[in-house]
């Protein structure tokens, strides 16, 4: 992702002030970071919150695409707002995926009138992805839970199992697959005895994610507080 973001940023006439890959870089390149207008983080769940706080300490707006840390999101957003900093967080920066987020919310609301349909999510990513389910799949699931009255929670399952639908009707099951170098595939499936409805987004490369992250960095200019892709797309339209 770092290389893809660098390429897109340079295409859009930005300069890369510093690249930080490890703790030594933080120590050695701190002065270079102070001169940057914005930071973009695609790191690890174990280090991302520390990275955010370091940027807050330097008064540097930060765009975060790392997932797997959202149990700490509320406290980080609170800290951002209390300190007058700028934070942009998205589970997926792809414009196409964010269109699917919108479609997913609309479809879930519509399906309140059709209780014969059971919903589940499947996501596939490359073998290097550490978190499962993906942040994108969790966003899809949480949006379904918000809009679909008969669903109360999501659960990760390793493989498709019929008992999930028979005995866990209040659950949105998520299947996570890790294989090869797949950039990302997400499917939301509503299944009934009569037919199947599927929403599917398949990323062809990391370029769409990188472009969205750079657009988010541009969007943060002059802003404070917590921002998301919903706000960016609403402003674009």
Protein backbone atom coordinates (compact mmCIF):
# COMPACT_ATOMS: atom_id res chain seq x y z
CA UNK A 1 0.00 0.00 0.00
CA UNK A 2 2.83 2.41 0.80
CA UNK A 3 4.29 2.07 -2.69
CA UNK A 4 0.86 2.42 -4.30
CA UNK A 5 0.11 5.57 -2.26
CA UNK A 6 3.50 7.05 -3.11
CA UNK A 7 2.90 6.51 -6.83
CA UNK A 8 -0.56 8.13 -6.74
CA UNK A 9 0.67 11.06 -4.62
CA UNK A 10 3.49 11.78 -7.06
CA UNK A 11 1.06 11.54 -10.00
CA UNK A 12 -1.03 14.22 -8.28
CA UNK A 13 2.02 16.52 -7.87
CA UNK A 14 2.54 15.94 -4.16
CA UNK A 15 5.91 15.46 -2.49
CA UNK A 16 6.77 12.56 -0.21
CA UNK A 17 8.46 14.17 2.78
CA UNK A 18 9.31 11.03 4.71
CA UNK A 19 8.62 7.28 4.75
CA UNK A 20 8.50 5.55 8.14
CA UNK A 21 8.71 1.77 8.25
CA UNK A 22 9.84 0.99 11.80
CA UNK A 23 10.73 2.40 15.21
CA UNK A 24 14.23 3.41 14.09
CA UNK A 25 12.68 5.55 11.35
CA UNK A 26 10.52 7.30 13.94
CA UNK A 27 13.63 8.28 15.87
CA UNK A 28 15.79 9.20 12.88
CA UNK A 29 13.21 10.98 10.70
CA UNK A 30 11.15 12.87 13.25
CA UNK A 31 12.37 16.29 12.07
CA UNK A 32 11.43 15.42 8.48
CA UNK A 33 7.95 14.47 9.63
CA UNK A 34 7.50 17.81 11.40
CA UNK A 35 7.73 19.53 8.01
CA UNK A 36 4.95 17.41 6.43
CA UNK A 37 1.39 18.66 5.85
CA UNK A 38 -0.32 15.31 6.39
CA UNK A 39 0.50 11.69 7.22
CA UNK A 40 -1.06 8.55 5.73
CA UNK A 41 -0.94 5.40 7.85
CA UNK A 42 -1.24 1.85 6.52
CA UNK A 43 0.70 0.09 9.24
CA UNK A 44 -0.27 -2.59 11.77
CA UNK A 45 -3.10 -2.86 14.31
CA UNK A 46 -0.48 -3.09 17.06
CA UNK A 47 1.23 0.20 16.15
CA UNK A 48 -1.41 2.38 14.53
CA UNK A 49 -2.73 4.08 17.69
CA UNK A 50 0.81 5.01 18.73
CA UNK A 51 1.39 6.42 15.24
CA UNK A 52 -1.78 8.50 15.46
CA UNK A 53 -0.82 9.92 18.83
CA UNK A 54 2.64 10.82 17.60
CA UNK A 55 1.10 12.76 14.72
CA UNK A 56 -1.27 14.51 17.13
CA UNK A 57 1.75 15.51 19.23
CA UNK A 58 3.28 17.09 16.11
CA UNK A 59 -0.02 18.74 15.03
CA UNK A 60 0.01 16.73 11.81
CA UNK A 61 -3.32 15.62 10.30
CA UNK A 62 -3.40 11.87 9.73
CA UNK A 63 -5.30 9.59 7.35
CA UNK A 64 -5.62 6.02 8.64
CA UNK A 65 -6.34 2.97 6.49
CA UNK A 66 -5.11 0.40 8.98
CA UNK A 67 -7.87 -1.83 10.36
CA UNK A 68 -8.11 -4.21 13.30
CA UNK A 69 -7.95 -1.51 16.01
CA UNK A 70 -11.48 -0.13 16.04
CA UNK A 71 -12.07 -1.20 19.64
CA UNK A 72 -9.96 1.89 20.44
CA UNK A 73 -11.55 4.19 17.84
CA UNK A 74 -13.91 6.00 20.23
CA UNK A 75 -11.12 6.97 22.62
CA UNK A 76 -8.86 8.07 19.75
CA UNK A 77 -11.64 10.20 18.23
CA UNK A 78 -12.31 11.74 21.65
CA UNK A 79 -8.61 12.56 22.01
CA UNK A 80 -8.56 14.03 18.49
CA UNK A 81 -11.47 16.34 19.22
CA UNK A 82 -10.22 17.36 22.67
CA UNK A 83 -6.80 18.28 21.29
CA UNK A 84 -8.06 20.03 18.17
CA UNK A 85 -6.38 17.59 15.79
CA UNK A 86 -7.45 16.16 12.42
CA UNK A 87 -8.13 12.46 11.82
CA UNK A 88 -9.57 10.67 8.79
CA UNK A 89 -10.41 6.98 9.21
CA UNK A 90 -11.83 4.54 6.67
CA UNK A 91 -12.05 0.77 6.61
CA UNK A 92 -11.83 1.00 2.82
CA UNK A 93 -10.81 4.01 0.72
CA UNK A 94 -12.02 2.65 -2.62
CA UNK A 95 -14.68 4.88 -4.19
CA UNK A 96 -16.40 1.79 -5.59
CA UNK A 97 -16.45 0.09 -2.20
CA UNK A 98 -17.95 3.17 -0.59
CA UNK A 99 -20.70 3.13 -3.21
CA UNK A 100 -21.30 -0.48 -2.18
CA UNK A 101 -21.48 0.62 1.47
CA UNK A 102 -24.34 2.92 0.50
CA UNK A 103 -26.09 0.21 -1.53
CA UNK A 104 -25.64 -2.23 1.36
CA UNK A 105 -27.37 0.13 3.80
CA UNK A 106 -30.26 0.74 1.40
CA UNK A 107 -30.72 -2.96 0.67
CA UNK A 108 -30.63 -3.90 4.37
CA UNK A 109 -33.37 -1.39 5.13
CA UNK A 110 -35.46 -2.71 2.23
CA UNK A 111 -35.05 -6.31 3.43
CA UNK A 112 -36.95 -5.56 6.67
CA UNK A 113 -40.07 -6.42 4.69
CA UNK A 114 -38.75 -9.79 3.49
CA UNK A 115 -38.00 -12.08 6.44
CA UNK A 116 -37.51 -15.19 4.29
CA UNK A 117 -34.07 -13.88 3.26
CA UNK A 118 -31.05 -14.64 5.42
CA UNK A 119 -27.92 -12.53 4.97
CA UNK A 120 -24.25 -13.36 5.23
CA UNK A 121 -20.94 -11.78 4.21
CA UNK A 122 -17.87 -13.33 2.62
CA UNK A 123 -14.54 -11.54 2.19
CA UNK A 124 -11.33 -12.71 0.51
CA UNK A 125 -7.90 -11.08 0.87
CA UNK A 126 -4.21 -11.81 0.31
CA UNK A 127 -2.36 -14.05 2.76
CA UNK A 128 -0.46 -11.07 4.25
CA UNK A 129 -3.57 -9.48 5.76
CA UNK A 130 -3.39 -9.90 9.53
CA UNK A 131 -6.92 -9.11 10.71
CA UNK A 132 -9.98 -11.25 10.07
CA UNK A 133 -12.66 -10.36 9.31
CA UNK A 134 -11.53 -7.35 7.34
CA UNK A 135 -12.47 -3.88 8.52
CA UNK A 136 -14.52 -3.54 5.36
CA UNK A 137 -16.53 -6.67 6.16
CA UNK A 138 -17.14 -5.39 9.69
CA UNK A 139 -18.38 -2.08 8.28
CA UNK A 140 -20.76 -3.95 5.98
CA UNK A 141 -21.99 -6.09 8.88
CA UNK A 142 -22.47 -3.17 11.27
CA UNK A 143 -24.41 -1.25 8.63
CA UNK A 144 -26.67 -4.26 8.09
CA UNK A 145 -27.24 -4.56 11.84
CA UNK A 146 -28.13 -0.87 12.00
CA UNK A 147 -30.70 -1.10 9.20
CA UNK A 148 -32.03 -4.69 9.42
CA UNK A 149 -34.19 -5.09 12.54
CA UNK A 150 -33.80 -8.87 12.83
CA UNK A 151 -29.99 -8.75 13.10
CA UNK A 152 -28.26 -7.92 16.39
CA UNK A 153 -24.61 -8.93 15.95
CA UNK A 154 -22.02 -10.37 13.57
CA UNK A 155 -19.87 -13.46 14.09
CA UNK A 156 -16.85 -14.81 12.26
CA UNK A 157 -17.14 -18.33 10.90
CA UNK A 158 -14.45 -20.33 9.18
CA UNK A 159 -16.62 -21.99 6.58
CA UNK A 160 -20.20 -21.99 5.38
CA UNK A 161 -22.39 -23.96 7.80
CA UNK A 162 -26.14 -24.37 7.45
CA UNK A 163 -26.71 -24.44 11.22
CA UNK A 164 -25.70 -20.78 11.36
CA UNK A 165 -28.87 -19.77 9.58
CA UNK A 166 -31.12 -22.22 11.41
CA UNK A 167 -30.03 -21.41 14.94
CA UNK A 168 -28.43 -17.95 14.76
CA UNK A 169 -31.06 -15.92 12.95
CA UNK A 170 -30.10 -12.71 14.78
CA UNK A 171 -26.46 -13.01 13.61
CA UNK A 172 -24.76 -11.78 10.43
CA UNK A 173 -22.17 -14.50 9.74
CA UNK A 174 -18.88 -13.45 8.12
CA UNK A 175 -16.58 -15.86 6.27
CA UNK A 176 -12.96 -14.73 5.87
CA UNK A 177 -10.68 -16.32 3.26
CA UNK A 178 -6.96 -15.64 2.90
CA UNK A 179 -5.35 -16.75 -0.36
CA UNK A 180 -2.68 -15.65 -2.82
CA UNK A 181 -2.33 -11.93 -3.50
CA UNK A 182 -6.06 -11.07 -3.74
CA UNK A 183 -6.45 -7.27 -3.23
CA UNK A 184 -9.93 -7.68 -1.81
CA UNK A 185 -13.32 -9.22 -2.62
CA UNK A 186 -16.44 -8.55 -0.55
CA UNK A 187 -19.85 -10.13 -1.03
CA UNK A 188 -23.13 -9.54 0.78
CA UNK A 189 -25.55 -12.38 0.04
CA UNK A 190 -29.28 -12.53 0.82
CA UNK A 191 -30.49 -16.08 0.30
CA UNK A 192 -34.00 -17.58 0.33
CA UNK A 193 -35.58 -20.81 -0.86
CA UNK A 194 -36.67 -18.99 -4.01
CA UNK A 195 -33.65 -16.95 -5.08
CA UNK A 196 -30.42 -15.20 -4.10
CA UNK A 197 -29.50 -11.51 -4.11
CA UNK A 198 -25.79 -10.62 -4.15
CA UNK A 199 -23.86 -7.36 -3.75
CA UNK A 200 -20.22 -7.84 -4.75
CA UNK A 201 -17.17 -5.62 -4.95
CA UNK A 202 -13.90 -6.94 -6.34
CA UNK A 203 -10.79 -4.77 -6.25
CA UNK A 204 -8.53 -5.28 -9.28
CA UNK A 205 -5.49 -3.78 -7.55
CA UNK A 206 -4.50 -1.58 -4.61
CA UNK A 207 -4.66 1.51 -6.82
CA UNK A 208 -8.25 2.36 -5.90
CA UNK A 209 -7.43 2.21 -2.19
CA UNK A 210 -4.34 4.35 -2.70
CA UNK A 211 -6.23 6.98 -4.69
CA UNK A 212 -8.90 7.22 -2.01
CA UNK A 213 -6.28 7.64 0.70
CA UNK A 214 -4.59 10.48 -1.19
CA UNK A 215 -7.96 12.14 -1.83
CA UNK A 216 -8.62 11.90 1.91
CA UNK A 217 -5.26 13.54 2.63
CA UNK A 218 -6.15 16.39 0.25
CA UNK A 219 -9.59 16.67 1.87
CA UNK A 220 -8.07 17.14 5.35
CA UNK A 221 -6.31 20.37 4.38
CA UNK A 222 -7.42 23.12 6.75
CA UNK A 223 -9.80 20.84 8.67
CA UNK A 224 -9.95 19.70 12.27
CA UNK A 225 -11.82 16.87 13.97
CA UNK A 226 -12.83 13.38 12.86
CA UNK A 227 -13.69 12.66 9.21
CA UNK A 228 -14.86 9.68 7.13
CA UNK A 229 -15.42 8.70 3.52
CA UNK A 230 -19.14 9.50 3.84
CA UNK A 231 -18.25 13.14 4.45
CA UNK A 232 -15.69 13.22 1.64
CA UNK A 233 -18.08 11.74 -0.91
CA UNK A 234 -20.94 13.97 0.23
CA UNK A 235 -18.74 17.02 -0.28
CA UNK A 236 -17.59 15.75 -3.67
CA UNK A 237 -21.20 15.40 -4.80
